[in-house]
PDB file of N, CA and C in Angstrom:
ATOM      1  N   MET A   1      13.636  10.765   0.642  1.00  0.00           N
ATOM      2  CA  MET A   1      12.366  11.299   1.043  1.00  0.00           C
ATOM      3  C   MET A   1      11.288  11.163  -0.019  1.00  0.00           C
ATOM      4  N   ALA A   2      11.666  11.231  -1.282  1.00  0.00           N
ATOM      5  CA  ALA A   2      10.708  11.079  -2.360  1.00  0.00           C
ATOM      6  C   ALA A   2      10.099   9.695  -2.370  1.00  0.00           C
ATOM      7  N   LEU A   3      10.940   8.689  -1.966  1.00  0.00           N
ATOM      8  CA  LEU A   3      10.477   7.302  -2.009  1.00  0.00           C
ATOM      9  C   LEU A   3       9.385   7.106  -0.971  1.00  0.00           C
ATOM     10  N   THR A   4       9.492   7.656   0.226  1.00  0.00           N
ATOM     11  CA  THR A   4       8.529   7.525   1.244  1.00  0.00           C
ATOM     12  C   THR A   4       7.216   8.217   0.890  1.00  0.00           C
ATOM     13  N   SER A   5       7.256   9.363   0.215  1.00  0.00           N
ATOM     14  CA  SER A   5       6.073   9.991  -0.193  1.00  0.00           C
ATOM     15  C   SER A   5       5.314   9.227  -1.329  1.00  0.00           C
ATOM     16  N   ILE A   6       6.131   8.592  -2.193  1.00  0.00           N
ATOM     17  CA  ILE A   6       5.526   7.691  -3.196  1.00  0.00           C
ATOM     18  C   ILE A   6       4.835   6.485  -2.569  1.00  0.00           C
ATOM     19  N   LEU A   7       5.541   5.922  -1.561  1.00  0.00           N
ATOM     20  CA  LEU A   7       4.959   4.734  -0.865  1.00  0.00           C
ATOM     21  C   LEU A   7       3.686   5.167  -0.154  1.00  0.00           C
ATOM     22  N   LEU A   8       3.638   6.305   0.508  1.00  0.00           N
ATOM     23  CA  LEU A   8       2.419   6.790   1.204  1.00  0.00           C
ATOM     24  C   LEU A   8       1.329   7.034   0.185  1.00  0.00           C
ATOM     25  N   LEU A   9       1.653   7.612  -0.986  1.00  0.00           N
ATOM     26  CA  LEU A   9       0.644   7.823  -2.015  1.00  0.00           C
ATOM     27  C   LEU A   9       0.030   6.483  -2.500  1.00  0.00           C
ATOM     28  N   ILE A  10       0.908   5.516  -2.738  1.00  0.00           N
ATOM     29  CA  ILE A  10       0.355   4.165  -3.125  1.00  0.00           C
ATOM     30  C   ILE A  10      -0.519   3.577  -2.030  1.00  0.00           C
ATOM     31  N   PHE A  11      -0.104   3.777  -0.751  1.00  0.00           N
ATOM     32  CA  PHE A  11      -0.839   3.210   0.362  1.00  0.00           C
ATOM     33  C   PHE A  11      -2.223   3.908   0.464  1.00  0.00           C
ATOM     34  N   LEU A  12      -2.290   5.209   0.252  1.00  0.00           N
ATOM     35  CA  LEU A  12      -3.560   5.905   0.252  1.00  0.00           C
ATOM     36  C   LEU A  12      -4.456   5.492  -0.873  1.00  0.00           C
ATOM     37  N   ILE A  13      -3.878   5.261  -2.058  1.00  0.00           N
ATOM     38  CA  ILE A  13      -4.688   4.818  -3.224  1.00  0.00           C
ATOM     39  C   ILE A  13      -5.234   3.435  -2.972  1.00  0.00           C
ATOM     40  N   SER A  14      -4.430   2.552  -2.351  1.00  0.00           N
ATOM     41  CA  SER A  14      -4.920   1.175  -2.049  1.00  0.00           C
ATOM     42  C   SER A  14      -5.972   1.153  -0.996  1.00  0.00           C
ATOM     43  N   ILE A  15      -5.871   2.067  -0.010  1.00  0.00           N
ATOM     44  CA  ILE A  15      -6.960   2.209   0.954  1.00  0.00           C
ATOM     45  C   ILE A  15      -8.286   2.658   0.347  1.00  0.00           C
ATOM     46  N   ILE A  16      -8.092   3.672  -0.578  1.00  0.00           N
ATOM     47  CA  ILE A  16      -9.326   4.158  -1.309  1.00  0.00           C
ATOM     48  C   ILE A  16      -9.917   3.004  -2.158  1.00  0.00           C
ATOM     49  N   LEU A  17      -9.072   2.247  -2.815  1.00  0.00           N
ATOM     50  CA  LEU A  17      -9.543   1.110  -3.580  1.00  0.00           C
ATOM     51  C   LEU A  17     -10.324   0.117  -2.731  1.00  0.00           C
ATOM     52  N   LEU A  18      -9.769  -0.117  -1.533  1.00  0.00           N
ATOM     53  CA  LEU A  18     -10.387  -1.039  -0.619  1.00  0.00           C
ATOM     54  C   LEU A  18     -11.784  -0.537  -0.222  1.00  0.00           C
ATOM     55  N   VAL A  19     -11.849   0.693   0.126  1.00  0.00           N
ATOM     56  CA  VAL A  19     -13.131   1.308   0.500  1.00  0.00           C
ATOM     57  C   VAL A  19     -14.122   1.205  -0.595  1.00  0.00           C
ATOM     58  N   ILE A  20     -13.735   1.586  -1.832  1.00  0.00           N
ATOM     59  CA  ILE A  20     -14.546   1.497  -2.995  1.00  0.00           C
ATOM     60  C   ILE A  20     -15.000   0.027  -3.215  1.00  0.00           C
ATOM     61  N   GLY A  21     -14.081  -0.871  -3.021  1.00  0.00           N
ATOM     62  CA  GLY A  21     -14.410  -2.294  -3.136  1.00  0.00           C
ATOM     63  C   GLY A  21     -15.458  -2.780  -2.141  1.00  0.00           C
ATOM     64  N   PHE A  22     -15.365  -2.257  -0.921  1.00  0.00           N
ATOM     65  CA  PHE A  22     -16.355  -2.661   0.111  1.00  0.00           C
ATOM     66  C   PHE A  22     -17.727  -2.001  -0.207  1.00  0.00           C
ATOM     67  N   VAL A  23     -17.725  -0.761  -0.636  1.00  0.00           N
ATOM     68  CA  VAL A  23     -18.974  -0.044  -0.926  1.00  0.00           C
ATOM     69  C   VAL A  23     -19.672  -0.613  -2.102  1.00  0.00           C
ATOM     70  N   THR A  24     -18.930  -0.901  -3.199  1.00  0.00           N
ATOM     71  CA  THR A  24     -19.589  -1.431  -4.409  1.00  0.00           C
ATOM     72  C   THR A  24     -19.659  -2.983  -4.451  1.00  0.00           C
ATOM     73  N   LYS A  25     -19.073  -3.579  -3.381  1.00  0.00           N
ATOM     74  CA  LYS A  25     -19.076  -5.037  -3.227  1.00  0.00           C
ATOM     75  C   LYS A  25     -18.377  -5.771  -4.414  1.00  0.00           C
ATOM     76  N   LYS A  26     -17.332  -5.128  -4.883  1.00  0.00           N
ATOM     77  CA  LYS A  26     -16.592  -5.787  -5.972  1.00  0.00           C
ATOM     78  C   LYS A  26     -15.396  -6.501  -5.382  1.00  0.00           C
ATOM     79  N   LYS A  27     -15.374  -7.813  -5.578  1.00  0.00           N
ATOM     80  CA  LYS A  27     -14.298  -8.630  -4.919  1.00  0.00           C
ATOM     81  C   LYS A  27     -12.945  -8.326  -5.519  1.00  0.00           C
ATOM     82  N   LEU A  28     -12.871  -8.104  -6.828  1.00  0.00           N
ATOM     83  CA  LEU A  28     -11.618  -7.875  -7.550  1.00  0.00           C
ATOM     84  C   LEU A  28     -10.884  -6.630  -6.982  1.00  0.00           C
ATOM     85  N   LEU A  29     -11.637  -5.572  -6.779  1.00  0.00           N
ATOM     86  CA  LEU A  29     -11.036  -4.315  -6.198  1.00  0.00           C
ATOM     87  C   LEU A  29     -10.479  -4.578  -4.844  1.00  0.00           C
ATOM     88  N   LYS A  30     -11.194  -5.340  -4.036  1.00  0.00           N
ATOM     89  CA  LYS A  30     -10.713  -5.673  -2.676  1.00  0.00           C
ATOM     90  C   LYS A  30      -9.451  -6.491  -2.727  1.00  0.00           C
ATOM     91  N   ILE A  31      -9.400  -7.448  -3.627  1.00  0.00           N
ATOM     92  CA  ILE A  31      -8.197  -8.295  -3.746  1.00  0.00           C
ATOM     93  C   ILE A  31      -7.012  -7.464  -4.188  1.00  0.00           C
ATOM     94  N   ILE A  32      -7.215  -6.603  -5.173  1.00  0.00           N
ATOM     95  CA  ILE A  32      -6.118  -5.804  -5.702  1.00  0.00           C
ATOM     96  C   ILE A  32      -5.603  -4.873  -4.591  1.00  0.00           C
ATOM     97  N   ALA A  33      -6.539  -4.284  -3.836  1.00  0.00           N
ATOM     98  CA  ALA A  33      -6.163  -3.374  -2.770  1.00  0.00           C
ATOM     99  C   ALA A  33      -5.387  -4.077  -1.643  1.00  0.00           C
ATOM    100  N   ILE A  34      -5.829  -5.245  -1.294  1.00  0.00           N
ATOM    101  CA  ILE A  34      -5.134  -6.071  -0.315  1.00  0.00           C
ATOM    102  C   ILE A  34      -3.737  -6.420  -0.741  1.00  0.00           C
ATOM    103  N   ILE A  35      -3.578  -6.837  -1.987  1.00  0.00           N
ATOM    104  CA  ILE A  35      -2.248  -7.121  -2.578  1.00  0.00           C
ATOM    105  C   ILE A  35      -1.355  -5.896  -2.507  1.00  0.00           C
ATOM    106  N   PHE A  36      -1.916  -4.700  -2.892  1.00  0.00           N
ATOM    107  CA  PHE A  36      -1.148  -3.466  -2.839  1.00  0.00           C
ATOM    108  C   PHE A  36      -0.705  -3.151  -1.387  1.00  0.00           C
ATOM    109  N   ILE A  37      -1.609  -3.366  -0.397  1.00  0.00           N
ATOM    110  CA  ILE A  37      -1.224  -3.103   0.968  1.00  0.00           C
ATOM    111  C   ILE A  37      -0.140  -4.001   1.446  1.00  0.00           C
ATOM    112  N   ILE A  38      -0.200  -5.319   1.061  1.00  0.00           N
ATOM    113  CA  ILE A  38       0.803  -6.251   1.482  1.00  0.00           C
ATOM    114  C   ILE A  38       2.180  -5.807   0.886  1.00  0.00           C
ATOM    115  N   ILE A  39       2.171  -5.498  -0.431  1.00  0.00           N
ATOM    116  CA  ILE A  39       3.411  -4.989  -1.074  1.00  0.00           C
ATOM    117  C   ILE A  39       3.937  -3.777  -0.392  1.00  0.00           C
ATOM    118  N   GLU A  40       3.059  -2.902  -0.052  1.00  0.00           N
ATOM    119  CA  GLU A  40       3.364  -1.650   0.677  1.00  0.00           C
ATOM    120  C   GLU A  40       4.087  -1.920   2.029  1.00  0.00           C
ATOM    121  N   ILE A  41       3.460  -2.828   2.788  1.00  0.00           N
ATOM    122  CA  ILE A  41       4.033  -3.146   4.117  1.00  0.00           C
ATOM    123  C   ILE A  41       5.480  -3.730   3.964  1.00  0.00           C
ATOM    124  N   VAL A  42       5.655  -4.668   2.946  1.00  0.00           N
ATOM    125  CA  VAL A  42       6.930  -5.271   2.723  1.00  0.00           C
ATOM    126  C   VAL A  42       7.986  -4.154   2.351  1.00  0.00           C
ATOM    127  N   PHE A  43       7.560  -3.252   1.400  1.00  0.00           N
ATOM    128  CA  PHE A  43       8.449  -2.177   1.027  1.00  0.00           C
ATOM    129  C   PHE A  43       8.833  -1.282   2.212  1.00  0.00           C
ATOM    130  N   PHE A  44       7.916  -1.027   3.070  1.00  0.00           N
ATOM    131  CA  PHE A  44       8.054  -0.157   4.193  1.00  0.00           C
ATOM    132  C   PHE A  44       9.105  -0.793   5.180  1.00  0.00           C
ATOM    133  N   ILE A  45       8.888  -2.099   5.404  1.00  0.00           N
ATOM    134  CA  ILE A  45       9.871  -2.847   6.321  1.00  0.00           C
ATOM    135  C   ILE A  45      11.222  -2.849   5.677  1.00  0.00           C
ATOM    136  N   LEU A  46      11.395  -3.075   4.406  1.00  0.00           N
ATOM    137  CA  LEU A  46      12.652  -3.039   3.731  1.00  0.00           C
ATOM    138  C   LEU A  46      13.283  -1.694   3.805  1.00  0.00           C
ATOM    139  N   LEU A  47      12.456  -0.624   3.639  1.00  0.00           N
ATOM    140  CA  LEU A  47      12.975   0.765   3.744  1.00  0.00           C
ATOM    141  C   LEU A  47      13.472   1.048   5.170  1.00  0.00           C
ATOM    142  N   ILE A  48      12.770   0.629   6.159  1.00  0.00           N
ATOM    143  CA  ILE A  48      13.245   0.766   7.560  1.00  0.00           C
ATOM    144  C   ILE A  48      14.543   0.112   7.813  1.00  0.00           C
ATOM    145  N   ILE A  49      14.632  -1.174   7.317  1.00  0.00           N
ATOM    146  CA  ILE A  49      15.882  -1.910   7.463  1.00  0.00           C
ATOM    147  C   ILE A  49      17.002  -1.210   6.747  1.00  0.00           C
ATOM    148  N   TRP A  50      16.760  -0.710   5.525  1.00  0.00           N
ATOM    149  CA  TRP A  50      17.773  -0.074   4.708  1.00  0.00           C
ATOM    150  C   TRP A  50      18.253   1.268   5.378  1.00  0.00           C
ATOM    151  N   ILE A  51      17.295   2.016   5.950  1.00  0.00           N
ATOM    152  CA  ILE A  51      17.684   3.252   6.667  1.00  0.00           C
ATOM    153  C   ILE A  51      18.405   2.895   7.932  1.00  0.00           C
ATOM    154  N   GLY A  52      18.064   1.794   8.545  1.00  0.00           N
ATOM    155  CA  GLY A  52      18.797   1.375   9.764  1.00  0.00           C
ATOM    156  C   GLY A  52      20.260   0.993   9.477  1.00  0.00           C
ATOM    157  N   LYS A  53      20.519   0.453   8.312  1.00  0.00           N
ATOM    158  CA  LYS A  53      21.876   0.057   7.963  1.00  0.00           C
ATOM    159  C   LYS A  53      22.746   1.234   7.580  1.00  0.00           C
ATOM    160  N   MET A  54      22.138   2.371   7.255  1.00  0.00           N
ATOM    161  CA  MET A  54      22.940   3.526   6.797  1.00  0.00           C
ATOM    162  C   MET A  54      23.639   4.194   7.977  1.00  0.00           C
TER     163      MET A  54
END
C-alpha cells in the first residue's frame, strides 16, 4: 500500500510540474513532467501485473 501512495504522490507532483510548465511556458519543465508521467504509467502497469500474479 505504501508503494501505491508513493506512486500517486509522484504522479501528482508531475502533473503540478506540467501545469507550471504550461503556465510559465518552460519547455524543460514540460519535458521532465511528461517523462515522469510515462515512468509512472509503466510502474502502475507493472504493479497491476504484479498484484495480478499474487
